[in-house]
Amino acid sequence: MPEAFPSFGTIETEQELTEEAFAILRQHLPPHKVARLLALWKIGSGDYVKERDSLFSGSTVDSLFEEAKSAQG
C-alpha cells in the first residue's frame, strides 16, 4: 500500500475505510442506531459536484492540508 503523509499513516481503499468505520460504529452504537445511520447515509442529499466550488473557493491542496493538520491538534 502506498505511504501517505507520514503523520497520517497509509492510504486505505474506500472499501477498507468503509469496513473500519463500520467496525467502529458497531463497537460504539447499538445495532438499531447503526442501521438508522447507514440508511441516512445511503439517502444522501445535495449535489457535491455543484457545491464543492463554493465549499473550497480560494482553497489550495496546501491550505486544506494545513487546515486538516491544525484541526488534528
C-alpha atoms as a PDB file:
ATOM      1  CA  MET A   1       0.000   0.000   0.000  1.00  0.00           C
ATOM      2  CA  PRO A   2       1.372   3.484  -0.819  1.00  0.00           C
ATOM      3  CA  GLU A   3       2.616   5.638   2.039  1.00  0.00           C
ATOM      4  CA  ALA A   4       0.595   8.767   2.746  1.00  0.00           C
ATOM      5  CA  PHE A   5       1.771  11.794   4.655  1.00  0.00           C
ATOM      6  CA  PRO A   6       3.962  10.386   7.444  1.00  0.00           C
ATOM      7  CA  SER A   7       1.716  11.570  10.278  1.00  0.00           C
ATOM      8  CA  PHE A   8      -1.394  10.108   8.661  1.00  0.00           C
ATOM      9  CA  GLY A   9      -0.210   6.527   8.048  1.00  0.00           C
ATOM     10  CA  THR A  10      -1.221   4.718   4.894  1.00  0.00           C
ATOM     11  CA  ILE A  11      -3.926   5.437   2.376  1.00  0.00           C
ATOM     12  CA  GLU A  12      -6.749   2.911   2.576  1.00  0.00           C
ATOM     13  CA  THR A  13      -9.003   1.851  -0.244  1.00  0.00           C
ATOM     14  CA  GLU A  14     -12.589   3.064   0.024  1.00  0.00           C
ATOM     15  CA  GLN A  15     -13.616  -0.482   0.954  1.00  0.00           C
ATOM     16  CA  GLU A  16     -11.042  -0.677   3.769  1.00  0.00           C
ATOM     17  CA  LEU A  17     -12.100   2.701   5.113  1.00  0.00           C
ATOM     18  CA  THR A  18     -15.767   1.710   4.991  1.00  0.00           C
ATOM     19  CA  GLU A  19     -15.078  -1.565   6.814  1.00  0.00           C
ATOM     20  CA  GLU A  20     -13.044   0.174   9.516  1.00  0.00           C
ATOM     21  CA  ALA A  21     -15.702   2.844  10.039  1.00  0.00           C
ATOM     22  CA  PHE A  22     -18.448   0.227  10.182  1.00  0.00           C
ATOM     23  CA  ALA A  23     -16.486  -1.763  12.792  1.00  0.00           C
ATOM     24  CA  ILE A  24     -16.089   1.371  14.924  1.00  0.00           C
ATOM     25  CA  LEU A  25     -19.795   2.125  14.656  1.00  0.00           C
ATOM     26  CA  ARG A  26     -20.694  -1.438  15.678  1.00  0.00           C
ATOM     27  CA  GLN A  27     -18.399  -1.175  18.714  1.00  0.00           C
ATOM     28  CA  HIS A  28     -19.884   2.083  19.966  1.00  0.00           C
ATOM     29  CA  LEU A  29     -23.531   2.092  18.894  1.00  0.00           C
ATOM     30  CA  PRO A  30     -26.385  -0.360  19.310  1.00  0.00           C
ATOM     31  CA  PRO A  31     -27.426  -2.164  16.099  1.00  0.00           C
ATOM     32  CA  HIS A  32     -30.599  -0.132  15.580  1.00  0.00           C
ATOM     33  CA  LYS A  33     -28.625   3.133  15.595  1.00  0.00           C
ATOM     34  CA  VAL A  34     -26.038   1.761  13.163  1.00  0.00           C
ATOM     35  CA  ALA A  35     -28.862   0.713  10.833  1.00  0.00           C
ATOM     36  CA  ARG A  36     -30.509   4.140  11.034  1.00  0.00           C
ATOM     37  CA  LEU A  37     -27.228   5.913  10.373  1.00  0.00           C
ATOM     38  CA  LEU A  38     -26.426   3.721   7.375  1.00  0.00           C
ATOM     39  CA  ALA A  39     -29.905   4.373   5.977  1.00  0.00           C
ATOM     40  CA  LEU A  40     -29.366   8.125   6.322  1.00  0.00           C
ATOM     41  CA  TRP A  41     -26.000   7.949   4.578  1.00  0.00           C
ATOM     42  CA  LYS A  42     -27.429   5.980   1.662  1.00  0.00           C
ATOM     43  CA  ILE A  43     -30.145   8.559   1.063  1.00  0.00           C
ATOM     44  CA  GLY A  44     -27.742  11.453   0.727  1.00  0.00           C
ATOM     45  CA  SER A  45     -28.747  14.899  -0.414  1.00  0.00           C
ATOM     46  CA  GLY A  46     -27.490  17.794  -2.451  1.00  0.00           C
ATOM     47  CA  ASP A  47     -25.061  17.787  -5.346  1.00  0.00           C
ATOM     48  CA  TYR A  48     -21.463  17.758  -4.158  1.00  0.00           C
ATOM     49  CA  VAL A  49     -20.120  18.445  -7.646  1.00  0.00           C
ATOM     50  CA  LYS A  50     -22.061  21.723  -7.681  1.00  0.00           C
ATOM     51  CA  GLU A  51     -21.380  22.585  -4.029  1.00  0.00           C
ATOM     52  CA  ARG A  52     -17.638  21.890  -3.937  1.00  0.00           C
ATOM     53  CA  ASP A  53     -16.706  25.112  -5.748  1.00  0.00           C
ATOM     54  CA  SER A  54     -18.351  27.231  -3.063  1.00  0.00           C
ATOM     55  CA  LEU A  55     -17.110  24.957  -0.257  1.00  0.00           C
ATOM     56  CA  PHE A  56     -13.484  25.158  -1.322  1.00  0.00           C
ATOM     57  CA  SER A  57     -13.403  28.556  -3.014  1.00  0.00           C
ATOM     58  CA  GLY A  58      -9.942  30.056  -2.650  1.00  0.00           C
ATOM     59  CA  SER A  59      -8.530  26.866  -1.127  1.00  0.00           C
ATOM     60  CA  THR A  60      -5.481  25.000  -2.331  1.00  0.00           C
ATOM     61  CA  VAL A  61      -4.331  21.488  -1.543  1.00  0.00           C
ATOM     62  CA  ASP A  62      -1.675  23.013   0.704  1.00  0.00           C
ATOM     63  CA  SER A  63      -4.145  25.235   2.576  1.00  0.00           C
ATOM     64  CA  LEU A  64      -6.555  22.327   3.077  1.00  0.00           C
ATOM     65  CA  PHE A  65      -3.692  20.151   4.315  1.00  0.00           C
ATOM     66  CA  GLU A  66      -2.627  22.807   6.827  1.00  0.00           C
ATOM     67  CA  GLU A  67      -6.238  23.212   7.962  1.00  0.00           C
ATOM     68  CA  ALA A  68      -6.532  19.453   8.491  1.00  0.00           C
ATOM     69  CA  LYS A  69      -3.254  19.363  10.431  1.00  0.00           C
ATOM     70  CA  SER A  70      -4.312  22.203  12.728  1.00  0.00           C
ATOM     71  CA  ALA A  71      -7.702  20.578  13.340  1.00  0.00           C
ATOM     72  CA  GLN A  72      -5.920  17.404  14.363  1.00  0.00           C
ATOM     73  CA  GLY A  73      -4.221  19.200  17.206  1.00  0.00           C
END
